[in-house]
């Protein structure tokens, strides 16, 4: 390989690496139904669309398989900001949206604590990245007794690319 060919190869690799570092994308892990928003090489968040099983060693009434939530959520330096299946509160899951009391046909159950009513995946409605913004929309259905559909939910997650947020102030709340 001549000197000119090696220089072109190095320039092509550097150009490809720069393109990868600028990518803002949503990747899908087909086997687990997890969608990861990536800002270059840094993960921003993972949306758990499909059901996440209870890990080995986590037990108790509130240790229940779940879906339709964000975990992990990453901080600006890559640190994980959320927990899933914590020993103290195994029903807590990253960032999620749930009602503590759901009443159907005169009976109350608890979507928050995963007791008798559950959000289950139906389909991904939208997955795209445009103009420095990633949008992931998922249709889920709340199921009474994990069988009877009672609510159709459309969860839309929108993430701005880091370079689009530059100049904005994010001060900690005390």
C-alpha atoms as a PDB file:
ATOM      1  CA  UNK A   1       0.000   0.000   0.000  1.00  0.00           C
ATOM      2  CA  UNK A   2       1.465   3.323  -1.025  1.00  0.00           C
ATOM      3  CA  UNK A   3       1.789   6.405   1.162  1.00  0.00           C
ATOM      4  CA  UNK A   4      -1.083   8.181  -0.638  1.00  0.00           C
ATOM      5  CA  UNK A   5      -3.458   5.213  -0.051  1.00  0.00           C
ATOM      6  CA  UNK A   6      -2.624   5.124   3.693  1.00  0.00           C
ATOM      7  CA  UNK A   7      -3.334   8.842   4.091  1.00  0.00           C
ATOM      8  CA  UNK A   8      -6.690   8.494   2.334  1.00  0.00           C
ATOM      9  CA  UNK A   9      -7.561   5.523   4.578  1.00  0.00           C
ATOM     10  CA  UNK A  10      -6.711   7.470   7.765  1.00  0.00           C
ATOM     11  CA  UNK A  11      -8.718  10.498   6.586  1.00  0.00           C
ATOM     12  CA  UNK A  12     -11.694   8.233   5.764  1.00  0.00           C
ATOM     13  CA  UNK A  13     -11.532   6.644   9.241  1.00  0.00           C
ATOM     14  CA  UNK A  14     -11.351  10.035  10.940  1.00  0.00           C
ATOM     15  CA  UNK A  15     -14.289  11.310   8.876  1.00  0.00           C
ATOM     16  CA  UNK A  16     -16.342   8.213   9.722  1.00  0.00           C
ATOM     17  CA  UNK A  17     -15.525   8.597  13.407  1.00  0.00           C
ATOM     18  CA  UNK A  18     -16.577  12.266  13.379  1.00  0.00           C
ATOM     19  CA  UNK A  19     -19.883  11.293  11.741  1.00  0.00           C
ATOM     20  CA  UNK A  20     -20.513   8.646  14.403  1.00  0.00           C
ATOM     21  CA  UNK A  21     -19.763  11.109  17.204  1.00  0.00           C
ATOM     22  CA  UNK A  22     -22.346  13.532  15.768  1.00  0.00           C
ATOM     23  CA  UNK A  23     -25.080  10.895  15.370  1.00  0.00           C
ATOM     24  CA  UNK A  24     -28.271  11.230  17.340  1.00  0.00           C
ATOM     25  CA  UNK A  25     -30.202   7.995  17.080  1.00  0.00           C
ATOM     26  CA  UNK A  26     -32.741   5.607  18.513  1.00  0.00           C
ATOM     27  CA  UNK A  27     -31.528   2.014  18.489  1.00  0.00           C
ATOM     28  CA  UNK A  28     -33.687  -1.044  19.073  1.00  0.00           C
ATOM     29  CA  UNK A  29     -32.712  -4.211  20.894  1.00  0.00           C
ATOM     30  CA  UNK A  30     -35.169  -6.563  19.200  1.00  0.00           C
ATOM     31  CA  UNK A  31     -34.772  -9.485  21.631  1.00  0.00           C
ATOM     32  CA  UNK A  32     -35.646  -7.370  24.701  1.00  0.00           C
ATOM     33  CA  UNK A  33     -37.874  -4.651  23.234  1.00  0.00           C
ATOM     34  CA  UNK A  34     -35.612  -1.904  24.599  1.00  0.00           C
ATOM     35  CA  UNK A  35     -35.100   1.373  22.727  1.00  0.00           C
ATOM     36  CA  UNK A  36     -31.993   3.429  23.471  1.00  0.00           C
ATOM     37  CA  UNK A  37     -31.629   7.099  22.596  1.00  0.00           C
ATOM     38  CA  UNK A  38     -27.981   7.757  21.774  1.00  0.00           C
ATOM     39  CA  UNK A  39     -26.332  11.172  21.488  1.00  0.00           C
ATOM     40  CA  UNK A  40     -23.165  10.280  19.593  1.00  0.00           C
ATOM     41  CA  UNK A  41     -21.528   7.544  21.644  1.00  0.00           C
ATOM     42  CA  UNK A  42     -23.338   8.552  24.853  1.00  0.00           C
ATOM     43  CA  UNK A  43     -26.594   6.860  25.858  1.00  0.00           C
ATOM     44  CA  UNK A  44     -29.290   9.297  27.032  1.00  0.00           C
ATOM     45  CA  UNK A  45     -32.055   6.901  28.108  1.00  0.00           C
ATOM     46  CA  UNK A  46     -33.525   3.462  27.552  1.00  0.00           C
ATOM     47  CA  UNK A  47     -37.271   2.976  27.063  1.00  0.00           C
ATOM     48  CA  UNK A  48     -38.388  -0.487  28.142  1.00  0.00           C
ATOM     49  CA  UNK A  49     -41.271  -1.123  25.756  1.00  0.00           C
ATOM     50  CA  UNK A  50     -41.506  -4.896  26.241  1.00  0.00           C
ATOM     51  CA  UNK A  51     -41.947  -6.687  29.539  1.00  0.00           C
ATOM     52  CA  UNK A  52     -38.869  -6.725  31.782  1.00  0.00           C
ATOM     53  CA  UNK A  53     -38.752  -9.905  33.902  1.00  0.00           C
ATOM     54  CA  UNK A  54     -38.084  -9.909  37.630  1.00  0.00           C
ATOM     55  CA  UNK A  55     -34.322 -10.335  38.211  1.00  0.00           C
ATOM     56  CA  UNK A  56     -33.066 -13.360  40.105  1.00  0.00           C
ATOM     57  CA  UNK A  57     -32.968 -12.636  43.834  1.00  0.00           C
ATOM     58  CA  UNK A  58     -35.694  -9.956  43.808  1.00  0.00           C
ATOM     59  CA  UNK A  59     -38.718 -11.263  45.671  1.00  0.00           C
ATOM     60  CA  UNK A  60     -41.911 -10.192  47.392  1.00  0.00           C
ATOM     61  CA  UNK A  61     -45.426  -9.086  46.546  1.00  0.00           C
ATOM     62  CA  UNK A  62     -44.239  -6.025  44.603  1.00  0.00           C
ATOM     63  CA  UNK A  63     -41.546  -7.774  42.553  1.00  0.00           C
ATOM     64  CA  UNK A  64     -43.587  -8.014  39.358  1.00  0.00           C
ATOM     65  CA  UNK A  65     -42.564  -8.023  35.675  1.00  0.00           C
ATOM     66  CA  UNK A  66     -43.247  -4.633  34.072  1.00  0.00           C
ATOM     67  CA  UNK A  67     -43.057  -2.659  30.839  1.00  0.00           C
ATOM     68  CA  UNK A  68     -43.593   0.896  29.548  1.00  0.00           C
ATOM     69  CA  UNK A  69     -40.965   2.890  31.474  1.00  0.00           C
ATOM     70  CA  UNK A  70     -37.572   4.585  31.158  1.00  0.00           C
ATOM     71  CA  UNK A  71     -34.528   3.009  32.797  1.00  0.00           C
ATOM     72  CA  UNK A  72     -31.730   3.758  32.833  1.00  0.00           C
ATOM     73  CA  UNK A  73     -31.814   7.519  32.463  1.00  0.00           C
ATOM     74  CA  UNK A  74     -28.284   8.888  32.151  1.00  0.00           C
ATOM     75  CA  UNK A  75     -26.841  12.166  33.431  1.00  0.00           C
ATOM     76  CA  UNK A  76     -24.590  14.435  31.349  1.00  0.00           C
ATOM     77  CA  UNK A  77     -21.461  12.568  32.478  1.00  0.00           C
ATOM     78  CA  UNK A  78     -22.935   9.122  31.764  1.00  0.00           C
ATOM     79  CA  UNK A  79     -23.981   8.393  35.338  1.00  0.00           C
ATOM     80  CA  UNK A  80     -27.163   6.332  35.821  1.00  0.00           C
ATOM     81  CA  UNK A  81     -29.804   8.502  37.510  1.00  0.00           C
ATOM     82  CA  UNK A  82     -32.561   5.911  37.979  1.00  0.00           C
ATOM     83  CA  UNK A  83     -33.050   2.537  39.660  1.00  0.00           C
ATOM     84  CA  UNK A  84     -35.052  -0.518  38.725  1.00  0.00           C
ATOM     85  CA  UNK A  85     -36.188  -3.293  41.062  1.00  0.00           C
ATOM     86  CA  UNK A  86     -34.609  -1.623  44.091  1.00  0.00           C
ATOM     87  CA  UNK A  87     -34.678  -3.881  47.184  1.00  0.00           C
ATOM     88  CA  UNK A  88     -36.586  -1.289  49.242  1.00  0.00           C
ATOM     89  CA  UNK A  89     -39.272  -0.673  46.602  1.00  0.00           C
ATOM     90  CA  UNK A  90     -39.144  -3.346  43.887  1.00  0.00           C
ATOM     91  CA  UNK A  91     -42.234  -1.905  42.177  1.00  0.00           C
ATOM     92  CA  UNK A  92     -40.479   1.443  41.547  1.00  0.00           C
ATOM     93  CA  UNK A  93     -39.068   1.591  38.056  1.00  0.00           C
ATOM     94  CA  UNK A  94     -36.924   4.393  36.635  1.00  0.00           C
ATOM     95  CA  UNK A  95     -39.232   7.051  35.206  1.00  0.00           C
ATOM     96  CA  UNK A  96     -42.788   5.825  34.825  1.00  0.00           C
ATOM     97  CA  UNK A  97     -46.325   7.135  34.734  1.00  0.00           C
ATOM     98  CA  UNK A  98     -48.930   5.224  36.709  1.00  0.00           C
ATOM     99  CA  UNK A  99     -51.981   5.730  38.872  1.00  0.00           C
ATOM    100  CA  UNK A 100     -51.902   4.378  42.437  1.00  0.00           C
ATOM    101  CA  UNK A 101     -55.629   3.658  42.292  1.00  0.00           C
ATOM    102  CA  UNK A 102     -57.423   2.460  39.192  1.00  0.00           C
ATOM    103  CA  UNK A 103     -61.122   1.675  39.555  1.00  0.00           C
ATOM    104  CA  UNK A 104     -62.888  -0.565  37.057  1.00  0.00           C
ATOM    105  CA  UNK A 105     -66.386  -1.988  37.490  1.00  0.00           C
ATOM    106  CA  UNK A 106     -66.402  -0.944  41.157  1.00  0.00           C
ATOM    107  CA  UNK A 107     -63.093  -2.634  42.023  1.00  0.00           C
ATOM    108  CA  UNK A 108     -59.787  -0.852  42.853  1.00  0.00           C
ATOM    109  CA  UNK A 109     -56.338  -2.010  41.819  1.00  0.00           C
ATOM    110  CA  UNK A 110     -52.896  -0.366  41.724  1.00  0.00           C
ATOM    111  CA  UNK A 111     -50.969   0.285  38.489  1.00  0.00           C
ATOM    112  CA  UNK A 112     -48.188   2.046  40.448  1.00  0.00           C
ATOM    113  CA  UNK A 113     -47.495  -1.007  42.636  1.00  0.00           C
ATOM    114  CA  UNK A 114     -48.239  -3.466  39.817  1.00  0.00           C
ATOM    115  CA  UNK A 115     -51.119  -5.028  41.693  1.00  0.00           C
ATOM    116  CA  UNK A 116     -53.882  -6.346  39.447  1.00  0.00           C
ATOM    117  CA  UNK A 117     -53.549  -3.853  36.571  1.00  0.00           C
ATOM    118  CA  UNK A 118     -50.625  -3.610  34.160  1.00  0.00           C
ATOM    119  CA  UNK A 119     -49.427  -1.548  31.171  1.00  0.00           C
ATOM    120  CA  UNK A 120     -48.584  -3.916  28.317  1.00  0.00           C
ATOM    121  CA  UNK A 121     -46.977  -3.137  24.938  1.00  0.00           C
ATOM    122  CA  UNK A 122     -48.955  -3.060  21.705  1.00  0.00           C
ATOM    123  CA  UNK A 123     -46.768  -1.361  19.079  1.00  0.00           C
ATOM    124  CA  UNK A 124     -44.236   1.363  18.410  1.00  0.00           C
ATOM    125  CA  UNK A 125     -46.149   4.127  16.635  1.00  0.00           C
ATOM    126  CA  UNK A 126     -43.270   6.457  15.830  1.00  0.00           C
ATOM    127  CA  UNK A 127     -39.483   6.264  15.966  1.00  0.00           C
ATOM    128  CA  UNK A 128     -37.572   9.067  14.298  1.00  0.00           C
ATOM    129  CA  UNK A 129     -34.826  11.616  14.711  1.00  0.00           C
ATOM    130  CA  UNK A 130     -35.060  14.977  12.960  1.00  0.00           C
ATOM    131  CA  UNK A 131     -33.629  18.432  13.601  1.00  0.00           C
ATOM    132  CA  UNK A 132     -31.777  17.380  16.758  1.00  0.00           C
ATOM    133  CA  UNK A 133     -34.861  15.798  18.301  1.00  0.00           C
ATOM    134  CA  UNK A 134     -35.561  12.094  18.914  1.00  0.00           C
ATOM    135  CA  UNK A 135     -39.208  11.057  19.181  1.00  0.00           C
ATOM    136  CA  UNK A 136     -40.375   7.634  20.302  1.00  0.00           C
ATOM    137  CA  UNK A 137     -44.107   6.980  20.586  1.00  0.00           C
ATOM    138  CA  UNK A 138     -45.508   3.709  21.909  1.00  0.00           C
ATOM    139  CA  UNK A 139     -49.027   2.377  22.170  1.00  0.00           C
ATOM    140  CA  UNK A 140     -49.666   0.397  25.329  1.00  0.00           C
ATOM    141  CA  UNK A 141     -52.817  -0.997  26.848  1.00  0.00           C
ATOM    142  CA  UNK A 142     -53.662  -1.165  30.536  1.00  0.00           C
ATOM    143  CA  UNK A 143     -54.942  -4.641  31.321  1.00  0.00           C
ATOM    144  CA  UNK A 144     -57.177  -5.522  34.247  1.00  0.00           C
ATOM    145  CA  UNK A 145     -55.917  -8.735  35.793  1.00  0.00           C
ATOM    146  CA  UNK A 146     -53.362  -8.761  32.957  1.00  0.00           C
ATOM    147  CA  UNK A 147     -56.197  -9.862  30.659  1.00  0.00           C
ATOM    148  CA  UNK A 148     -59.010  -7.343  30.020  1.00  0.00           C
ATOM    149  CA  UNK A 149     -57.962  -4.138  28.188  1.00  0.00           C
ATOM    150  CA  UNK A 150     -59.330  -1.030  29.943  1.00  0.00           C
ATOM    151  CA  UNK A 151     -57.161   1.923  28.761  1.00  0.00           C
ATOM    152  CA  UNK A 152     -55.329   2.626  25.511  1.00  0.00           C
ATOM    153  CA  UNK A 153     -52.213   4.696  26.245  1.00  0.00           C
ATOM    154  CA  UNK A 154     -50.009   6.594  23.829  1.00  0.00           C
ATOM    155  CA  UNK A 155     -46.668   7.373  25.486  1.00  0.00           C
ATOM    156  CA  UNK A 156     -44.518   9.863  23.564  1.00  0.00           C
ATOM    157  CA  UNK A 157     -40.911  10.469  24.615  1.00  0.00           C
ATOM    158  CA  UNK A 158     -39.108  13.441  23.081  1.00  0.00           C
ATOM    159  CA  UNK A 159     -35.380  14.022  23.622  1.00  0.00           C
ATOM    160  CA  UNK A 160     -33.356  17.035  22.457  1.00  0.00           C
ATOM    161  CA  UNK A 161     -29.794  16.503  21.327  1.00  0.00           C
ATOM    162  CA  UNK A 162     -27.168  17.911  23.717  1.00  0.00           C
ATOM    163  CA  UNK A 163     -25.819  20.422  21.219  1.00  0.00           C
ATOM    164  CA  UNK A 164     -29.395  21.717  20.792  1.00  0.00           C
ATOM    165  CA  UNK A 165     -29.514  22.398  24.570  1.00  0.00           C
ATOM    166  CA  UNK A 166     -26.246  24.354  24.781  1.00  0.00           C
ATOM    167  CA  UNK A 167     -26.613  27.762  26.391  1.00  0.00           C
ATOM    168  CA  UNK A 168     -29.584  26.770  28.521  1.00  0.00           C
ATOM    169  CA  UNK A 169     -29.146  26.815  32.263  1.00  0.00           C
ATOM    170  CA  UNK A 170     -29.891  23.708  34.305  1.00  0.00           C
ATOM    171  CA  UNK A 171     -29.290  24.582  37.932  1.00  0.00           C
ATOM    172  CA  UNK A 172     -29.852  21.964  40.655  1.00  0.00           C
ATOM    173  CA  UNK A 173     -32.958  22.427  42.784  1.00  0.00           C
ATOM    174  CA  UNK A 174     -32.274  22.522  46.511  1.00  0.00           C
END
